[in-house]
PDB file of N, CA and C in Angstrom:
ATOM      1  N   MET A   1    -119.252-253.545  -1.972  1.00  0.00           N
ATOM      2  CA  MET A   1    -119.373-253.286  -0.545  1.00  0.00           C
ATOM      3  C   MET A   1    -120.454-254.140   0.106  1.00  0.00           C
ATOM      4  N   PRO A   2    -121.677-254.191  -0.415  1.00  0.00           N
ATOM      5  CA  PRO A   2    -122.702-255.000   0.241  1.00  0.00           C
ATOM      6  C   PRO A   2    -122.358-256.479   0.293  1.00  0.00           C
ATOM      7  N   SER A   3    -121.633-257.000  -0.703  1.00  0.00           N
ATOM      8  CA  SER A   3    -121.285-258.418  -0.657  1.00  0.00           C
ATOM      9  C   SER A   3    -120.340-258.707   0.511  1.00  0.00           C
ATOM     10  N   HIS A   4    -119.515-257.742   0.862  1.00  0.00           N
ATOM     11  CA  HIS A   4    -118.647-257.917   2.023  1.00  0.00           C
ATOM     12  C   HIS A   4    -119.473-257.950   3.301  1.00  0.00           C
ATOM     13  N   PHE A   5    -120.505-257.116   3.345  1.00  0.00           N
ATOM     14  CA  PHE A   5    -121.382-257.100   4.506  1.00  0.00           C
ATOM     15  C   PHE A   5    -122.111-258.431   4.657  1.00  0.00           C
ATOM     16  N   VAL A   6    -122.576-258.991   3.546  1.00  0.00           N
ATOM     17  CA  VAL A   6    -123.273-260.285   3.582  1.00  0.00           C
ATOM     18  C   VAL A   6    -122.331-261.364   4.090  1.00  0.00           C
ATOM     19  N   ARG A   7    -121.117-261.352   3.606  1.00  0.00           N
ATOM     20  CA  ARG A   7    -120.142-262.354   4.049  1.00  0.00           C
ATOM     21  C   ARG A   7    -119.808-262.186   5.529  1.00  0.00           C
ATOM     22  N   LEU A   8    -119.658-260.956   5.965  1.00  0.00           N
ATOM     23  CA  LEU A   8    -119.357-260.693   7.365  1.00  0.00           C
ATOM     24  C   LEU A   8    -120.513-261.127   8.260  1.00  0.00           C
ATOM     25  N   ALA A   9    -121.734-260.789   7.875  1.00  0.00           N
ATOM     26  CA  ALA A   9    -122.902-261.164   8.676  1.00  0.00           C
ATOM     27  C   ALA A   9    -123.039-262.680   8.738  1.00  0.00           C
ATOM     28  N   SER A  10    -122.829-263.350   7.625  1.00  0.00           N
ATOM     29  CA  SER A  10    -122.912-264.810   7.602  1.00  0.00           C
ATOM     30  C   SER A  10    -121.830-265.431   8.477  1.00  0.00           C
ATOM     31  N   ALA A  11    -120.641-264.866   8.426  1.00  0.00           N
ATOM     32  CA  ALA A  11    -119.546-265.375   9.249  1.00  0.00           C
ATOM     33  C   ALA A  11    -119.842-265.197  10.732  1.00  0.00           C
ATOM     34  N   LEU A  12    -120.408-264.055  11.090  1.00  0.00           N
ATOM     35  CA  LEU A  12    -120.734-263.809  12.495  1.00  0.00           C
ATOM     36  C   LEU A  12    -121.797-264.781  12.999  1.00  0.00           C
ATOM     37  N   VAL A  13    -122.790-265.061  12.176  1.00  0.00           N
ATOM     38  CA  VAL A  13    -123.806-266.040  12.574  1.00  0.00           C
ATOM     39  C   VAL A  13    -123.173-267.418  12.719  1.00  0.00           C
ATOM     40  N   GLY A  14    -122.281-267.761  11.822  1.00  0.00           N
ATOM     41  CA  GLY A  14    -121.607-269.047  11.913  1.00  0.00           C
ATOM     42  C   GLY A  14    -120.770-269.175  13.166  1.00  0.00           C
ATOM     43  N   VAL A  15    -120.056-268.121  13.519  1.00  0.00           N
ATOM     44  CA  VAL A  15    -119.241-268.131  14.737  1.00  0.00           C
ATOM     45  C   VAL A  15    -120.132-268.246  15.967  1.00  0.00           C
ATOM     46  N   ALA A  16    -121.247-267.524  15.976  1.00  0.00           N
ATOM     47  CA  ALA A  16    -122.169-267.604  17.113  1.00  0.00           C
ATOM     48  C   ALA A  16    -122.749-269.000  17.246  1.00  0.00           C
ATOM     49  N   ALA A  17    -123.129-269.601  16.135  1.00  0.00           N
ATOM     50  CA  ALA A  17    -123.683-270.955  16.166  1.00  0.00           C
ATOM     51  C   ALA A  17    -122.635-271.962  16.639  1.00  0.00           C
ATOM     52  N   ALA A  18    -121.423-271.822  16.141  1.00  0.00           N
ATOM     53  CA  ALA A  18    -120.361-272.745  16.540  1.00  0.00           C
ATOM     54  C   ALA A  18    -120.041-272.609  18.022  1.00  0.00           C
ATOM     55  N   SER A  19    -120.047-271.393  18.535  1.00  0.00           N
ATOM     56  CA  SER A  19    -119.743-271.214  19.950  1.00  0.00           C
ATOM     57  C   SER A  19    -120.845-271.790  20.824  1.00  0.00           C
ATOM     58  N   LEU A  20    -122.091-271.677  20.387  1.00  0.00           N
ATOM     59  CA  LEU A  20    -123.193-272.292  21.150  1.00  0.00           C
ATOM     60  C   LEU A  20    -123.067-273.811  21.149  1.00  0.00           C
ATOM     61  N   LEU A  21    -122.759-274.366  19.994  1.00  0.00           N
ATOM     62  CA  LEU A  21    -122.638-275.823  19.912  1.00  0.00           C
ATOM     63  C   LEU A  21    -121.439-276.323  20.710  1.00  0.00           C
ATOM     64  N   ALA A  22    -120.331-275.602  20.659  1.00  0.00           N
ATOM     65  CA  ALA A  22    -119.119-276.028  21.349  1.00  0.00           C
ATOM     66  C   ALA A  22    -119.254-275.901  22.862  1.00  0.00           C
ATOM     67  N   SER A  23    -119.999-274.916  23.317  1.00  0.00           N
ATOM     68  CA  SER A  23    -120.108-274.695  24.755  1.00  0.00           C
ATOM     69  C   SER A  23    -121.052-275.679  25.432  1.00  0.00           C
ATOM     70  N   GLY A  24    -121.935-276.278  24.661  1.00  0.00           N
ATOM     71  CA  GLY A  24    -122.905-277.194  25.252  1.00  0.00           C
ATOM     72  C   GLY A  24    -124.084-276.474  25.885  1.00  0.00           C
ATOM     73  N   ALA A  25    -124.149-275.160  25.737  1.00  0.00           N
ATOM     74  CA  ALA A  25    -125.244-274.388  26.324  1.00  0.00           C
ATOM     75  C   ALA A  25    -126.577-274.766  25.712  1.00  0.00           C
ATOM     76  N   TRP A  26    -126.575-275.195  24.481  1.00  0.00           N
ATOM     77  CA  TRP A  26    -127.822-275.571  23.814  1.00  0.00           C
ATOM     78  C   TRP A  26    -128.463-276.783  24.456  1.00  0.00           C
ATOM     79  N   ALA A  27    -127.671-277.663  25.076  1.00  0.00           N
ATOM     80  CA  ALA A  27    -128.212-278.877  25.684  1.00  0.00           C
ATOM     81  C   ALA A  27    -128.898-278.567  27.011  1.00  0.00           C
ATOM     82  N   GLN A  28    -128.545-277.486  27.663  1.00  0.00           N
ATOM     83  CA  GLN A  28    -129.100-277.157  28.964  1.00  0.00           C
ATOM     84  C   GLN A  28    -130.384-276.346  28.861  1.00  0.00           C
ATOM     85  N   ASP A  29    -130.509-275.545  27.841  1.00  0.00           N
ATOM     86  CA  ASP A  29    -131.659-274.665  27.708  1.00  0.00           C
ATOM     87  C   ASP A  29    -132.546-275.166  26.587  1.00  0.00           C
ATOM     88  N   LYS A  30    -133.808-275.417  26.890  1.00  0.00           N
ATOM     89  CA  LYS A  30    -134.727-275.947  25.887  1.00  0.00           C
ATOM     90  C   LYS A  30    -135.497-274.856  25.153  1.00  0.00           C
ATOM     91  N   THR A  31    -135.208-273.591  25.449  1.00  0.00           N
ATOM     92  CA  THR A  31    -135.872-272.485  24.777  1.00  0.00           C
ATOM     93  C   THR A  31    -135.362-272.395  23.339  1.00  0.00           C
ATOM     94  N   PRO A  32    -136.265-272.356  22.352  1.00  0.00           N
ATOM     95  CA  PRO A  32    -135.805-272.258  20.961  1.00  0.00           C
ATOM     96  C   PRO A  32    -135.051-270.953  20.708  1.00  0.00           C
ATOM     97  N   ILE A  33    -134.069-271.040  19.842  1.00  0.00           N
ATOM     98  CA  ILE A  33    -133.315-269.870  19.427  1.00  0.00           C
ATOM     99  C   ILE A  33    -134.147-269.097  18.414  1.00  0.00           C
ATOM    100  N   LYS A  34    -134.257-267.793  18.604  1.00  0.00           N
ATOM    101  CA  LYS A  34    -134.923-266.921  17.641  1.00  0.00           C
ATOM    102  C   LYS A  34    -133.889-265.957  17.117  1.00  0.00           C
ATOM    103  N   LEU A  35    -133.914-265.729  15.821  1.00  0.00           N
ATOM    104  CA  LEU A  35    -132.949-264.862  15.184  1.00  0.00           C
ATOM    105  C   LEU A  35    -133.692-263.802  14.393  1.00  0.00           C
ATOM    106  N   GLY A  36    -133.393-262.548  14.644  1.00  0.00           N
ATOM    107  CA  GLY A  36    -134.006-261.458  13.894  1.00  0.00           C
ATOM    108  C   GLY A  36    -132.962-260.770  13.044  1.00  0.00           C
ATOM    109  N   VAL A  37    -133.223-260.676  11.761  1.00  0.00           N
ATOM    110  CA  VAL A  37    -132.292-260.018  10.846  1.00  0.00           C
ATOM    111  C   VAL A  37    -133.066-259.128   9.884  1.00  0.00           C
ATOM    112  N   ALA A  38    -132.411-258.138   9.365  1.00  0.00           N
ATOM    113  CA  ALA A  38    -132.982-257.286   8.324  1.00  0.00           C
ATOM    114  C   ALA A  38    -132.363-257.694   6.995  1.00  0.00           C
ATOM    115  N   ILE A  39    -133.192-258.165   6.087  1.00  0.00           N
ATOM    116  CA  ILE A  39    -132.708-258.641   4.795  1.00  0.00           C
ATOM    117  C   ILE A  39    -133.498-257.947   3.692  1.00  0.00           C
ATOM    118  N   THR A  40    -132.786-257.506   2.666  1.00  0.00           N
ATOM    119  CA  THR A  40    -133.442-256.856   1.541  1.00  0.00           C
ATOM    120  C   THR A  40    -134.245-257.873   0.738  1.00  0.00           C
ATOM    121  N   GLN A  41    -135.441-257.489   0.314  1.00  0.00           N
ATOM    122  CA  GLN A  41    -136.295-258.381  -0.459  1.00  0.00           C
ATOM    123  C   GLN A  41    -136.513-257.872  -1.881  1.00  0.00           C
ATOM    124  N   THR A  42    -136.092-256.662  -2.159  1.00  0.00           N
ATOM    125  CA  THR A  42    -136.227-256.101  -3.495  1.00  0.00           C
ATOM    126  C   THR A  42    -134.922-255.423  -3.888  1.00  0.00           C
ATOM    127  N   GLY A  43    -134.798-255.147  -5.158  1.00  0.00           N
ATOM    128  CA  GLY A  43    -133.630-254.426  -5.644  1.00  0.00           C
ATOM    129  C   GLY A  43    -132.511-255.343  -6.092  1.00  0.00           C
ATOM    130  N   PRO A  44    -131.396-254.751  -6.469  1.00  0.00           N
ATOM    131  CA  PRO A  44    -130.307-255.537  -7.050  1.00  0.00           C
ATOM    132  C   PRO A  44    -129.608-256.464  -6.053  1.00  0.00           C
ATOM    133  N   TYR A  45    -129.757-256.217  -4.770  1.00  0.00           N
ATOM    134  CA  TYR A  45    -129.071-257.049  -3.778  1.00  0.00           C
ATOM    135  C   TYR A  45    -129.972-258.111  -3.167  1.00  0.00           C
ATOM    136  N   SER A  46    -131.173-258.273  -3.686  1.00  0.00           N
ATOM    137  CA  SER A  46    -132.083-259.259  -3.108  1.00  0.00           C
ATOM    138  C   SER A  46    -131.703-260.710  -3.427  1.00  0.00           C
ATOM    139  N   PRO A  47    -131.167-261.055  -4.619  1.00  0.00           N
ATOM    140  CA  PRO A  47    -130.805-262.458  -4.843  1.00  0.00           C
ATOM    141  C   PRO A  47    -129.770-263.008  -3.863  1.00  0.00           C
ATOM    142  N   PRO A  48    -128.675-262.296  -3.563  1.00  0.00           N
ATOM    143  CA  PRO A  48    -127.737-262.826  -2.566  1.00  0.00           C
ATOM    144  C   PRO A  48    -128.347-262.893  -1.168  1.00  0.00           C
ATOM    145  N   ALA A  49    -129.288-261.999  -0.885  1.00  0.00           N
ATOM    146  CA  ALA A  49    -129.911-261.992   0.439  1.00  0.00           C
ATOM    147  C   ALA A  49    -130.725-263.252   0.674  1.00  0.00           C
ATOM    148  N   LEU A  50    -131.264-263.843  -0.379  1.00  0.00           N
ATOM    149  CA  LEU A  50    -132.015-265.090  -0.232  1.00  0.00           C
ATOM    150  C   LEU A  50    -131.106-266.207   0.274  1.00  0.00           C
ATOM    151  N   PHE A  51    -129.888-266.271  -0.233  1.00  0.00           N
ATOM    152  CA  PHE A  51    -128.934-267.269   0.240  1.00  0.00           C
ATOM    153  C   PHE A  51    -128.559-267.019   1.706  1.00  0.00           C
ATOM    154  N   GLU A  52    -128.421-265.760   2.057  1.00  0.00           N
ATOM    155  CA  GLU A  52    -128.117-265.413   3.444  1.00  0.00           C
ATOM    156  C   GLU A  52    -129.261-265.844   4.361  1.00  0.00           C
ATOM    157  N   LEU A  53    -130.493-265.584   3.946  1.00  0.00           N
ATOM    158  CA  LEU A  53    -131.659-265.981   4.728  1.00  0.00           C
ATOM    159  C   LEU A  53    -131.696-267.492   4.925  1.00  0.00           C
ATOM    160  N   ARG A  54    -131.422-268.232   3.874  1.00  0.00           N
ATOM    161  CA  ARG A  54    -131.412-269.699   3.980  1.00  0.00           C
ATOM    162  C   ARG A  54    -130.319-270.166   4.937  1.00  0.00           C
ATOM    163  N   GLY A  55    -129.185-269.485   4.946  1.00  0.00           N
ATOM    164  CA  GLY A  55    -128.117-269.826   5.882  1.00  0.00           C
ATOM    165  C   GLY A  55    -128.522-269.573   7.324  1.00  0.00           C
ATOM    166  N   TYR A  56    -129.207-268.456   7.560  1.00  0.00           N
ATOM    167  CA  TYR A  56    -129.707-268.170   8.907  1.00  0.00           C
ATOM    168  C   TYR A  56    -130.710-269.232   9.347  1.00  0.00           C
ATOM    169  N   GLU A  57    -131.625-269.591   8.444  1.00  0.00           N
ATOM    170  CA  GLU A  57    -132.630-270.602   8.778  1.00  0.00           C
ATOM    171  C   GLU A  57    -131.979-271.950   9.065  1.00  0.00           C
ATOM    172  N   LEU A  58    -130.967-272.301   8.308  1.00  0.00           N
ATOM    173  CA  LEU A  58    -130.257-273.556   8.544  1.00  0.00           C
ATOM    174  C   LEU A  58    -129.561-273.551   9.894  1.00  0.00           C
ATOM    175  N   ALA A  59    -128.922-272.432  10.252  1.00  0.00           N
ATOM    176  CA  ALA A  59    -128.250-272.341  11.538  1.00  0.00           C
ATOM    177  C   ALA A  59    -129.243-272.477  12.686  1.00  0.00           C
ATOM    178  N   VAL A  60    -130.388-271.816  12.588  1.00  0.00           N
ATOM    179  CA  VAL A  60    -131.397-271.902  13.646  1.00  0.00           C
ATOM    180  C   VAL A  60    -131.934-273.332  13.731  1.00  0.00           C
ATOM    181  N   ASP A  61    -132.190-273.982  12.596  1.00  0.00           N
ATOM    182  CA  ASP A  61    -132.677-275.365  12.618  1.00  0.00           C
ATOM    183  C   ASP A  61    -131.657-276.303  13.246  1.00  0.00           C
ATOM    184  N   GLN A  62    -130.392-276.113  12.930  1.00  0.00           N
ATOM    185  CA  GLN A  62    -129.348-276.989  13.461  1.00  0.00           C
ATOM    186  C   GLN A  62    -129.173-276.777  14.959  1.00  0.00           C
ATOM    187  N   ILE A  63    -129.276-275.550  15.415  1.00  0.00           N
ATOM    188  CA  ILE A  63    -129.110-275.260  16.845  1.00  0.00           C
ATOM    189  C   ILE A  63    -130.305-275.761  17.630  1.00  0.00           C
ATOM    190  N   ASN A  64    -131.509-275.535  17.090  1.00  0.00           N
ATOM    191  CA  ASN A  64    -132.714-275.963  17.799  1.00  0.00           C
ATOM    192  C   ASN A  64    -132.923-277.448  17.646  1.00  0.00           C
TER     193      ASN A  64
END
């Protein structure tokens, strides 16, 4: 179940990033994009969460 949630959350961030890039809204606004997420740092689900965090950071870097 949690792996489905990780995939869904990653997909939603990807869709949001793609829509921002496609719309050209990023070129008009110079305010940096900030993204707040809750990610587990301990327990059995923490290793996949690290990959999710890196994906979020990559999306923010690419958009900004």
